[in-house]
Amino acid sequence: MSKFEKLIKRIHNLSNDLRFSEIKKILEFYGYVMTSPRGGSSHYTFRKKNSNPITVPKHEPIKKVYIIMIKNIIEGEESDD
């Protein structure tokens, strides 16, 4: 099992120790583009054409509510394939 597959599995299991860099890697794999915050904010927005944007704060570890949103994105992307 590759590192990427292990990371996907951790998201599906709603792991409590995910890092922002791991979330970024997953979302960029699915075609999302990160935009940096303005004015000193710590919230990064990921956008993809024809998809709802997702905003994730760069606090580690990532809170479960954001992991659930990312899990839903992954499941939606996998069902489209």
PDB file of N, CA and C in Angstrom:
ATOM      1  N   MET A   1       0.851  -1.172   0.000  1.00  0.00           N
ATOM      2  CA  MET A   1       0.000   0.000   0.000  1.00  0.00           C
ATOM      3  C   MET A   1       0.902   1.243   0.000  1.00  0.00           C
ATOM      4  N   SER A   2       0.637   2.158  -0.909  1.00  0.00           N
ATOM      5  CA  SER A   2       1.453   3.362  -1.023  1.00  0.00           C
ATOM      6  C   SER A   2       1.142   4.354   0.105  1.00  0.00           C
ATOM      7  N   LYS A   3       2.014   5.350   0.258  1.00  0.00           N
ATOM      8  CA  LYS A   3       1.794   6.387   1.271  1.00  0.00           C
ATOM      9  C   LYS A   3       0.491   7.127   1.020  1.00  0.00           C
ATOM     10  N   PHE A   4       0.201   7.368  -0.274  1.00  0.00           N
ATOM     11  CA  PHE A   4      -1.013   8.095  -0.625  1.00  0.00           C
ATOM     12  C   PHE A   4      -2.250   7.281  -0.229  1.00  0.00           C
ATOM     13  N   GLU A   5      -2.226   5.983  -0.505  1.00  0.00           N
ATOM     14  CA  GLU A   5      -3.353   5.122  -0.138  1.00  0.00           C
ATOM     15  C   GLU A   5      -3.535   5.068   1.375  1.00  0.00           C
ATOM     16  N   LYS A   6      -2.429   5.064   2.108  1.00  0.00           N
ATOM     17  CA  LYS A   6      -2.501   5.079   3.565  1.00  0.00           C
ATOM     18  C   LYS A   6      -3.122   6.379   4.061  1.00  0.00           C
ATOM     19  N   LEU A   7      -2.773   7.476   3.395  1.00  0.00           N
ATOM     20  CA  LEU A   7      -3.330   8.778   3.756  1.00  0.00           C
ATOM     21  C   LEU A   7      -4.838   8.810   3.507  1.00  0.00           C
ATOM     22  N   ILE A   8      -5.273   8.276   2.374  1.00  0.00           N
ATOM     23  CA  ILE A   8      -6.708   8.194   2.068  1.00  0.00           C
ATOM     24  C   ILE A   8      -7.414   7.350   3.126  1.00  0.00           C
ATOM     25  N   LYS A   9      -6.800   6.253   3.515  1.00  0.00           N
ATOM     26  CA  LYS A   9      -7.382   5.369   4.534  1.00  0.00           C
ATOM     27  C   LYS A   9      -7.517   6.098   5.867  1.00  0.00           C
ATOM     28  N   ARG A  10      -6.506   6.907   6.228  1.00  0.00           N
ATOM     29  CA  ARG A  10      -6.572   7.683   7.468  1.00  0.00           C
ATOM     30  C   ARG A  10      -7.722   8.677   7.438  1.00  0.00           C
ATOM     31  N   ILE A  11      -7.977   9.256   6.278  1.00  0.00           N
ATOM     32  CA  ILE A  11      -9.096  10.198   6.153  1.00  0.00           C
ATOM     33  C   ILE A  11     -10.416   9.452   6.286  1.00  0.00           C
ATOM     34  N   HIS A  12     -10.531   8.293   5.639  1.00  0.00           N
ATOM     35  CA  HIS A  12     -11.754   7.494   5.753  1.00  0.00           C
ATOM     36  C   HIS A  12     -12.005   7.045   7.190  1.00  0.00           C
ATOM     37  N   ASN A  13     -10.931   6.839   7.964  1.00  0.00           N
ATOM     38  CA  ASN A  13     -11.057   6.437   9.366  1.00  0.00           C
ATOM     39  C   ASN A  13     -11.201   7.634  10.306  1.00  0.00           C
ATOM     40  N   LEU A  14     -11.233   8.842   9.740  1.00  0.00           N
ATOM     41  CA  LEU A  14     -11.363  10.091  10.496  1.00  0.00           C
ATOM     42  C   LEU A  14     -10.274  10.227  11.563  1.00  0.00           C
ATOM     43  N   SER A  15      -9.048  10.040  11.133  1.00  0.00           N
ATOM     44  CA  SER A  15      -7.894  10.132  12.021  1.00  0.00           C
ATOM     45  C   SER A  15      -7.809  11.517  12.664  1.00  0.00           C
ATOM     46  N   ASN A  16      -7.368  11.552  13.912  1.00  0.00           N
ATOM     47  CA  ASN A  16      -7.272  12.819  14.643  1.00  0.00           C
ATOM     48  C   ASN A  16      -5.927  13.510  14.512  1.00  0.00           C
ATOM     49  N   ASP A  17      -4.993  12.925  13.770  1.00  0.00           N
ATOM     50  CA  ASP A  17      -3.652  13.502  13.719  1.00  0.00           C
ATOM     51  C   ASP A  17      -3.223  13.900  12.306  1.00  0.00           C
ATOM     52  N   LEU A  18      -4.165  14.317  11.480  1.00  0.00           N
ATOM     53  CA  LEU A  18      -3.837  14.748  10.122  1.00  0.00           C
ATOM     54  C   LEU A  18      -3.237  16.150  10.132  1.00  0.00           C
ATOM     55  N   ARG A  19      -2.290  16.381   9.282  1.00  0.00           N
ATOM     56  CA  ARG A  19      -1.615  17.667   9.148  1.00  0.00           C
ATOM     57  C   ARG A  19      -2.157  18.427   7.952  1.00  0.00           C
ATOM     58  N   PHE A  20      -1.977  19.733   7.974  1.00  0.00           N
ATOM     59  CA  PHE A  20      -2.448  20.579   6.877  1.00  0.00           C
ATOM     60  C   PHE A  20      -1.794  20.176   5.560  1.00  0.00           C
ATOM     61  N   SER A  21      -0.511  19.863   5.587  1.00  0.00           N
ATOM     62  CA  SER A  21       0.197  19.492   4.360  1.00  0.00           C
ATOM     63  C   SER A  21      -0.393  18.224   3.743  1.00  0.00           C
ATOM     64  N   GLU A  22      -0.874  17.310   4.566  1.00  0.00           N
ATOM     65  CA  GLU A  22      -1.494  16.088   4.059  1.00  0.00           C
ATOM     66  C   GLU A  22      -2.843  16.383   3.416  1.00  0.00           C
ATOM     67  N   ILE A  23      -3.606  17.269   4.049  1.00  0.00           N
ATOM     68  CA  ILE A  23      -4.897  17.678   3.494  1.00  0.00           C
ATOM     69  C   ILE A  23      -4.681  18.381   2.159  1.00  0.00           C
ATOM     70  N   LYS A  24      -3.694  19.243   2.105  1.00  0.00           N
ATOM     71  CA  LYS A  24      -3.379  19.967   0.876  1.00  0.00           C
ATOM     72  C   LYS A  24      -3.024  18.987  -0.242  1.00  0.00           C
ATOM     73  N   LYS A  25      -2.223  17.998   0.068  1.00  0.00           N
ATOM     74  CA  LYS A  25      -1.807  17.003  -0.915  1.00  0.00           C
ATOM     75  C   LYS A  25      -3.018  16.259  -1.499  1.00  0.00           C
ATOM     76  N   ILE A  26      -3.931  15.858  -0.635  1.00  0.00           N
ATOM     77  CA  ILE A  26      -5.128  15.130  -1.070  1.00  0.00           C
ATOM     78  C   ILE A  26      -5.999  16.002  -1.966  1.00  0.00           C
ATOM     79  N   LEU A  27      -6.297  17.215  -1.515  1.00  0.00           N
ATOM     80  CA  LEU A  27      -7.182  18.087  -2.289  1.00  0.00           C
ATOM     81  C   LEU A  27      -6.562  18.474  -3.622  1.00  0.00           C
ATOM     82  N   GLU A  28      -5.265  18.730  -3.653  1.00  0.00           N
ATOM     83  CA  GLU A  28      -4.615  19.054  -4.925  1.00  0.00           C
ATOM     84  C   GLU A  28      -4.606  17.856  -5.864  1.00  0.00           C
ATOM     85  N   PHE A  29      -4.538  16.643  -5.338  1.00  0.00           N
ATOM     86  CA  PHE A  29      -4.613  15.437  -6.164  1.00  0.00           C
ATOM     87  C   PHE A  29      -5.953  15.378  -6.894  1.00  0.00           C
ATOM     88  N   TYR A  30      -7.020  15.799  -6.219  1.00  0.00           N
ATOM     89  CA  TYR A  30      -8.351  15.780  -6.817  1.00  0.00           C
ATOM     90  C   TYR A  30      -8.665  17.044  -7.614  1.00  0.00           C
ATOM     91  N   GLY A  31      -7.679  17.872  -7.861  1.00  0.00           N
ATOM     92  CA  GLY A  31      -7.851  19.008  -8.749  1.00  0.00           C
ATOM     93  C   GLY A  31      -8.190  20.328  -8.086  1.00  0.00           C
ATOM     94  N   TYR A  32      -8.153  20.396  -6.789  1.00  0.00           N
ATOM     95  CA  TYR A  32      -8.426  21.648  -6.085  1.00  0.00           C
ATOM     96  C   TYR A  32      -7.177  22.528  -6.087  1.00  0.00           C
ATOM     97  N   VAL A  33      -7.385  23.821  -6.148  1.00  0.00           N
ATOM     98  CA  VAL A  33      -6.291  24.790  -6.139  1.00  0.00           C
ATOM     99  C   VAL A  33      -6.417  25.619  -4.862  1.00  0.00           C
ATOM    100  N   MET A  34      -5.318  25.728  -4.142  1.00  0.00           N
ATOM    101  CA  MET A  34      -5.312  26.460  -2.880  1.00  0.00           C
ATOM    102  C   MET A  34      -5.068  27.940  -3.126  1.00  0.00           C
ATOM    103  N   THR A  35      -5.847  28.774  -2.455  1.00  0.00           N
ATOM    104  CA  THR A  35      -5.601  30.211  -2.479  1.00  0.00           C
ATOM    105  C   THR A  35      -5.216  30.644  -1.069  1.00  0.00           C
ATOM    106  N   SER A  36      -4.212  31.473  -0.999  1.00  0.00           N
ATOM    107  CA  SER A  36      -3.706  31.940   0.290  1.00  0.00           C
ATOM    108  C   SER A  36      -4.660  32.951   0.909  1.00  0.00           C
ATOM    109  N   PRO A  37      -4.679  32.995   2.239  1.00  0.00           N
ATOM    110  CA  PRO A  37      -5.556  33.950   2.911  1.00  0.00           C
ATOM    111  C   PRO A  37      -5.018  35.372   2.786  1.00  0.00           C
ATOM    112  N   ARG A  38      -5.899  36.310   2.972  1.00  0.00           N
ATOM    113  CA  ARG A  38      -5.509  37.722   2.939  1.00  0.00           C
ATOM    114  C   ARG A  38      -5.660  38.317   4.329  1.00  0.00           C
ATOM    115  N   GLY A  39      -4.866  39.279   4.604  1.00  0.00           N
ATOM    116  CA  GLY A  39      -5.005  40.024   5.852  1.00  0.00           C
ATOM    117  C   GLY A  39      -4.645  39.248   7.102  1.00  0.00           C
ATOM    118  N   GLY A  40      -3.728  38.302   6.998  1.00  0.00           N
ATOM    119  CA  GLY A  40      -3.263  37.604   8.183  1.00  0.00           C
ATOM    120  C   GLY A  40      -4.130  36.458   8.657  1.00  0.00           C
ATOM    121  N   SER A  41      -5.115  36.071   7.895  1.00  0.00           N
ATOM    122  CA  SER A  41      -5.969  34.959   8.279  1.00  0.00           C
ATOM    123  C   SER A  41      -5.216  33.639   8.153  1.00  0.00           C
ATOM    124  N   SER A  42      -5.679  32.632   8.862  1.00  0.00           N
ATOM    125  CA  SER A  42      -5.055  31.313   8.774  1.00  0.00           C
ATOM    126  C   SER A  42      -5.939  30.331   8.006  1.00  0.00           C
ATOM    127  N   HIS A  43      -6.997  30.824   7.372  1.00  0.00           N
ATOM    128  CA  HIS A  43      -7.928  29.971   6.651  1.00  0.00           C
ATOM    129  C   HIS A  43      -7.598  29.967   5.156  1.00  0.00           C
ATOM    130  N   TYR A  44      -7.277  28.780   4.649  1.00  0.00           N
ATOM    131  CA  TYR A  44      -6.935  28.604   3.237  1.00  0.00           C
ATOM    132  C   TYR A  44      -8.143  28.035   2.517  1.00  0.00           C
ATOM    133  N   THR A  45      -8.409  28.541   1.321  1.00  0.00           N
ATOM    134  CA  THR A  45      -9.548  28.083   0.539  1.00  0.00           C
ATOM    135  C   THR A  45      -9.060  27.249  -0.635  1.00  0.00           C
ATOM    136  N   PHE A  46      -9.715  26.116  -0.833  1.00  0.00           N
ATOM    137  CA  PHE A  46      -9.419  25.227  -1.944  1.00  0.00           C
ATOM    138  C   PHE A  46     -10.603  25.279  -2.896  1.00  0.00           C
ATOM    139  N   ARG A  47     -10.324  25.547  -4.169  1.00  0.00           N
ATOM    140  CA  ARG A  47     -11.382  25.693  -5.168  1.00  0.00           C
ATOM    141  C   ARG A  47     -11.143  24.749  -6.338  1.00  0.00           C
ATOM    142  N   LYS A  48     -12.267  24.299  -6.898  1.00  0.00           N
ATOM    143  CA  LYS A  48     -12.239  23.458  -8.091  1.00  0.00           C
ATOM    144  C   LYS A  48     -13.445  23.838  -8.932  1.00  0.00           C
ATOM    145  N   LYS A  49     -13.244  23.906 -10.222  1.00  0.00           N
ATOM    146  CA  LYS A  49     -14.327  24.277 -11.119  1.00  0.00           C
ATOM    147  C   LYS A  49     -15.483  23.294 -10.963  1.00  0.00           C
ATOM    148  N   ASN A  50     -16.682  23.814 -10.911  1.00  0.00           N
ATOM    149  CA  ASN A  50     -17.921  23.046 -10.770  1.00  0.00           C
ATOM    150  C   ASN A  50     -18.031  22.303  -9.444  1.00  0.00           C
ATOM    151  N   SER A  51     -17.318  22.764  -8.427  1.00  0.00           N
ATOM    152  CA  SER A  51     -17.394  22.180  -7.086  1.00  0.00           C
ATOM    153  C   SER A  51     -17.467  23.300  -6.063  1.00  0.00           C
ATOM    154  N   ASN A  52     -18.042  22.986  -4.928  1.00  0.00           N
ATOM    155  CA  ASN A  52     -18.086  23.957  -3.848  1.00  0.00           C
ATOM    156  C   ASN A  52     -16.691  24.139  -3.261  1.00  0.00           C
ATOM    157  N   PRO A  53     -16.320  25.374  -2.927  1.00  0.00           N
ATOM    158  CA  PRO A  53     -15.014  25.578  -2.294  1.00  0.00           C
ATOM    159  C   PRO A  53     -15.027  25.039  -0.868  1.00  0.00           C
ATOM    160  N   ILE A  54     -13.853  24.705  -0.377  1.00  0.00           N
ATOM    161  CA  ILE A  54     -13.719  24.268   1.005  1.00  0.00           C
ATOM    162  C   ILE A  54     -12.640  25.129   1.657  1.00  0.00           C
ATOM    163  N   THR A  55     -12.933  25.639   2.837  1.00  0.00           N
ATOM    164  CA  THR A  55     -11.993  26.479   3.575  1.00  0.00           C
ATOM    165  C   THR A  55     -11.517  25.703   4.794  1.00  0.00           C
ATOM    166  N   VAL A  56     -10.197  25.610   4.928  1.00  0.00           N
ATOM    167  CA  VAL A  56      -9.589  24.845   6.015  1.00  0.00           C
ATOM    168  C   VAL A  56      -8.590  25.735   6.742  1.00  0.00           C
ATOM    169  N   PRO A  57      -8.711  25.866   8.071  1.00  0.00           N
ATOM    170  CA  PRO A  57      -7.717  26.638   8.812  1.00  0.00           C
ATOM    171  C   PRO A  57      -6.421  25.851   8.941  1.00  0.00           C
ATOM    172  N   LYS A  58      -5.320  26.567   8.929  1.00  0.00           N
ATOM    173  CA  LYS A  58      -4.018  25.923   9.041  1.00  0.00           C
ATOM    174  C   LYS A  58      -3.632  25.807  10.515  1.00  0.00           C
ATOM    175  N   HIS A  59      -4.415  25.028  11.236  1.00  0.00           N
ATOM    176  CA  HIS A  59      -4.138  24.705  12.628  1.00  0.00           C
ATOM    177  C   HIS A  59      -3.929  23.201  12.682  1.00  0.00           C
ATOM    178  N   GLU A  60      -2.942  22.780  13.421  1.00  0.00           N
ATOM    179  CA  GLU A  60      -2.670  21.345  13.455  1.00  0.00           C
ATOM    180  C   GLU A  60      -2.839  20.823  14.866  1.00  0.00           C
ATOM    181  N   PRO A  61      -3.440  19.680  15.029  1.00  0.00           N
ATOM    182  CA  PRO A  61      -3.999  18.823  13.976  1.00  0.00           C
ATOM    183  C   PRO A  61      -5.311  19.403  13.442  1.00  0.00           C
ATOM    184  N   ILE A  62      -5.677  18.951  12.270  1.00  0.00           N
ATOM    185  CA  ILE A  62      -6.907  19.420  11.621  1.00  0.00           C
ATOM    186  C   ILE A  62      -8.110  18.906  12.410  1.00  0.00           C
ATOM    187  N   LYS A  63      -9.088  19.767  12.626  1.00  0.00           N
ATOM    188  CA  LYS A  63     -10.282  19.379  13.372  1.00  0.00           C
ATOM    189  C   LYS A  63     -11.124  18.388  12.568  1.00  0.00           C
ATOM    190  N   LYS A  64     -11.838  17.562  13.304  1.00  0.00           N
ATOM    191  CA  LYS A  64     -12.617  16.474  12.710  1.00  0.00           C
ATOM    192  C   LYS A  64     -13.666  16.986  11.714  1.00  0.00           C
ATOM    193  N   VAL A  65     -14.262  18.130  11.964  1.00  0.00           N
ATOM    194  CA  VAL A  65     -15.293  18.651  11.069  1.00  0.00           C
ATOM    195  C   VAL A  65     -14.731  18.869   9.661  1.00  0.00           C
ATOM    196  N   TYR A  66     -13.491  19.299   9.551  1.00  0.00           N
ATOM    197  CA  TYR A  66     -12.866  19.509   8.246  1.00  0.00           C
ATOM    198  C   TYR A  66     -12.478  18.178   7.601  1.00  0.00           C
ATOM    199  N   ILE A  67     -12.086  17.224   8.419  1.00  0.00           N
ATOM    200  CA  ILE A  67     -11.751  15.903   7.890  1.00  0.00           C
ATOM    201  C   ILE A  67     -13.000  15.242   7.318  1.00  0.00           C
ATOM    202  N   ILE A  68     -14.135  15.429   7.976  1.00  0.00           N
ATOM    203  CA  ILE A  68     -15.401  14.885   7.461  1.00  0.00           C
ATOM    204  C   ILE A  68     -15.747  15.519   6.125  1.00  0.00           C
ATOM    205  N   MET A  69     -15.560  16.831   6.000  1.00  0.00           N
ATOM    206  CA  MET A  69     -15.848  17.505   4.719  1.00  0.00           C
ATOM    207  C   MET A  69     -14.934  16.958   3.622  1.00  0.00           C
ATOM    208  N   ILE A  70     -13.666  16.738   3.932  1.00  0.00           N
ATOM    209  CA  ILE A  70     -12.718  16.227   2.939  1.00  0.00           C
ATOM    210  C   ILE A  70     -13.048  14.777   2.592  1.00  0.00           C
ATOM    211  N   LYS A  71     -13.473  14.011   3.577  1.00  0.00           N
ATOM    212  CA  LYS A  71     -13.887  12.626   3.328  1.00  0.00           C
ATOM    213  C   LYS A  71     -15.055  12.604   2.344  1.00  0.00           C
ATOM    214  N   ASN A  72     -16.008  13.511   2.525  1.00  0.00           N
ATOM    215  CA  ASN A  72     -17.152  13.593   1.614  1.00  0.00           C
ATOM    216  C   ASN A  72     -16.709  13.963   0.198  1.00  0.00           C
ATOM    217  N   ILE A  73     -15.729  14.832   0.082  1.00  0.00           N
ATOM    218  CA  ILE A  73     -15.193  15.202  -1.233  1.00  0.00           C
ATOM    219  C   ILE A  73     -14.562  13.986  -1.893  1.00  0.00           C
ATOM    220  N   ILE A  74     -13.763  13.245  -1.132  1.00  0.00           N
ATOM    221  CA  ILE A  74     -13.090  12.064  -1.679  1.00  0.00           C
ATOM    222  C   ILE A  74     -14.121  11.032  -2.137  1.00  0.00           C
ATOM    223  N   GLU A  75     -15.118  10.800  -1.327  1.00  0.00           N
ATOM    224  CA  GLU A  75     -16.159   9.823  -1.686  1.00  0.00           C
ATOM    225  C   GLU A  75     -16.902  10.268  -2.946  1.00  0.00           C
ATOM    226  N   GLY A  76     -17.153  11.566  -3.053  1.00  0.00           N
ATOM    227  CA  GLY A  76     -17.809  12.086  -4.245  1.00  0.00           C
ATOM    228  C   GLY A  76     -16.944  11.936  -5.486  1.00  0.00           C
ATOM    229  N   GLU A  77     -15.663  12.193  -5.338  1.00  0.00           N
ATOM    230  CA  GLU A  77     -14.733  12.044  -6.468  1.00  0.00           C
ATOM    231  C   GLU A  77     -14.598  10.583  -6.890  1.00  0.00           C
ATOM    232  N   GLU A  78     -14.557   9.685  -5.903  1.00  0.00           N
ATOM    233  CA  GLU A  78     -14.427   8.259  -6.221  1.00  0.00           C
ATOM    234  C   GLU A  78     -15.677   7.719  -6.890  1.00  0.00           C
ATOM    235  N   SER A  79     -16.848   8.248  -6.514  1.00  0.00           N
ATOM    236  CA  SER A  79     -18.082   7.776  -7.133  1.00  0.00           C
ATOM    237  C   SER A  79     -18.238   8.303  -8.564  1.00  0.00           C
ATOM    238  N   ASP A  80     -17.565   9.423  -8.880  1.00  0.00           N
ATOM    239  CA  ASP A  80     -17.627   9.972 -10.244  1.00  0.00           C
ATOM    240  C   ASP A  80     -16.777   9.172 -11.227  1.00  0.00           C
ATOM    241  N   ASP A  81     -15.788   8.431 -10.710  1.00  0.00           N
ATOM    242  CA  ASP A  81     -14.893   7.661 -11.578  1.00  0.00           C
ATOM    243  C   ASP A  81     -15.522   6.422 -12.119  1.00  0.00           C
TER     244      ASP A  81
END
